[in-house]
Protein backbone atom coordinates (compact mmCIF):
# COMPACT_ATOMS: atom_id res chain seq x y z
CA MET A 1 99.50 88.76 70.76
CA PRO A 2 95.92 88.48 69.46
CA ALA A 3 95.38 90.27 66.12
CA SER A 4 92.69 92.60 67.51
CA LEU A 5 94.91 93.75 70.41
CA SER A 6 97.89 94.17 68.11
CA GLN A 7 95.78 96.23 65.71
CA HIS A 8 94.44 98.35 68.58
CA LEU A 9 97.95 99.11 69.88
CA ASN A 10 99.24 99.95 66.41
CA ASN A 11 96.33 102.35 65.76
CA MET A 12 96.88 104.43 68.90
CA HIS A 13 98.48 107.81 68.35
CA TYR A 14 101.37 109.02 70.48
CA ASP A 15 103.76 111.95 70.22
CA TYR A 16 106.72 110.64 72.20
CA GLU A 17 107.86 107.14 73.16
CA VAL A 18 110.01 106.03 76.09
CA ASP A 19 111.51 102.54 76.33
CA ALA A 20 112.00 101.57 79.98
CA THR A 21 112.30 97.82 79.37
CA GLY A 22 114.76 96.12 81.68
CA LEU A 23 114.65 98.96 84.23
CA LYS A 24 113.54 98.41 87.81
CA CYS A 25 111.59 100.68 90.15
CA PRO A 26 111.80 103.67 90.40
CA LEU A 27 113.42 104.17 86.98
CA PRO A 28 110.32 103.48 84.80
CA ILE A 29 108.37 106.20 86.64
CA LEU A 30 111.31 108.60 86.46
CA ARG A 31 111.53 107.96 82.70
CA CYS A 32 107.77 108.53 82.46
CA LYS A 33 108.11 111.87 84.24
CA LYS A 34 111.05 112.85 82.02
CA GLY A 35 109.07 111.86 78.92
CA LEU A 36 106.11 113.99 79.99
CA ASN A 37 108.50 116.93 80.43
CA GLU A 38 109.54 116.50 76.78
CA ILE A 39 106.03 116.93 75.35
CA LYS A 40 103.47 119.72 75.25
CA SER A 41 100.12 119.80 76.99
CA ASP A 42 97.53 117.49 75.33
CA GLU A 43 100.23 115.41 73.63
CA VAL A 44 100.48 111.68 74.31
CA LEU A 45 103.39 109.77 75.83
CA LYS A 46 103.83 106.05 75.25
CA ILE A 47 106.09 104.18 77.66
CA ILE A 48 107.03 100.51 77.57
CA ALA A 49 108.30 98.79 80.72
CA THR A 50 108.95 95.27 82.00
CA ASP A 51 109.14 95.88 85.75
CA PRO A 52 106.19 93.93 87.27
CA GLY A 53 105.22 96.86 89.52
CA SER A 54 105.11 99.40 86.69
CA LYS A 55 101.42 98.95 85.91
CA LYS A 56 100.39 99.87 89.46
CA ASP A 57 103.01 102.64 89.61
CA PHE A 58 101.90 104.23 86.32
CA ASP A 59 98.27 104.22 87.42
CA ALA A 60 99.13 105.86 90.77
CA PHE A 61 101.47 108.37 89.10
CA CYS A 62 98.78 109.56 86.68
CA ARG A 63 96.18 109.86 89.44
CA GLN A 64 98.55 111.85 91.66
CA THR A 65 99.87 114.19 88.96
CA GLY A 66 96.62 114.77 87.08
CA HIS A 67 97.79 113.40 83.72
CA GLU A 68 95.13 111.45 81.79
CA LEU A 69 95.78 107.71 81.60
CA LEU A 70 94.56 106.71 78.13
CA SER A 71 95.56 103.04 78.18
CA LEU A 72 97.49 100.66 80.37
CA GLN A 73 98.13 97.21 78.92
CA ASP A 74 99.99 94.22 80.33
CA GLU A 75 100.85 91.62 77.70
CA ASP A 76 103.28 88.81 78.53
CA GLY A 77 105.09 90.85 81.19
CA VAL A 78 105.38 93.99 79.06
CA GLN A 79 103.44 97.00 80.30
CA THR A 80 102.49 99.67 77.78
CA LEU A 81 101.15 102.97 79.06
CA GLU A 82 99.73 105.82 77.06
CA ALA A 83 99.13 109.05 78.94
CA LYS A 84 98.06 112.51 77.86
CA LYS A 85 99.96 115.37 79.43
CA ILE A 86 97.65 117.71 81.28
CA LEU A 87 98.96 121.19 81.99
CA MET A 88 98.75 121.80 85.69
CA HIS A 89 97.25 125.07 86.92
CA PHE A 90 97.33 126.63 90.33
CA VAL A 91 94.49 128.63 91.79
CA ALA A 92 95.25 131.42 94.21
CA ARG A 93 92.84 133.51 96.18
CA GLN A 94 93.30 137.14 97.15
CA GLY A 95 90.38 138.61 99.03
CA MET A 96 87.21 137.68 97.15
CA ASN A 97 89.07 137.11 93.85
CA PHE A 98 90.44 133.85 92.48
CA TYR A 99 93.30 133.72 89.97
CA LEU A 100 94.50 130.88 87.74
CA PHE A 101 98.23 130.49 87.08
CA LYS A 102 100.20 128.05 84.95
CA THR A 103 102.81 127.49 87.66
CA LYS A 104 102.89 127.71 91.41
CA MET A 105 105.90 130.06 91.23
CA ALA A 106 104.01 132.52 88.99
CA SER A 107 101.14 132.57 91.46
CA LEU A 108 103.45 133.20 94.40
CA LEU A 109 105.35 135.98 92.61
CA SER A 110 102.21 137.74 91.36
CA LEU A 111 100.43 137.63 94.70
CA SER A 112 103.49 138.71 96.68
CA ARG A 113 103.88 141.73 94.40
CA ASN A 114 100.13 142.42 94.18
CA VAL A 115 100.48 142.32 90.38
CA VAL A 116 97.27 140.40 89.68
């Protein structure tokens, strides 16, 4: 590994690390999802995988779930992803008013009870 790349990887901050080396699809993505569930919003997950399809899968996963992909490296068959957890919010509309909820269930319960 070139010294500059090695230095760059060592200087990156992460809050939780998941080792998915040796695992095949879909396990690296499932471990990624589980790792994101372990951290708080705005914290960073680092995941290491060796499955050749992981790089493409991680990129698609972050785009679909709204988490921020900070880095995605592929060095000698080892993919290293760093992603920031983004808290998902749901917007609900009632009449002319819009409401922001942390979970879809909270929005459904509040609107069904007219509690908003």
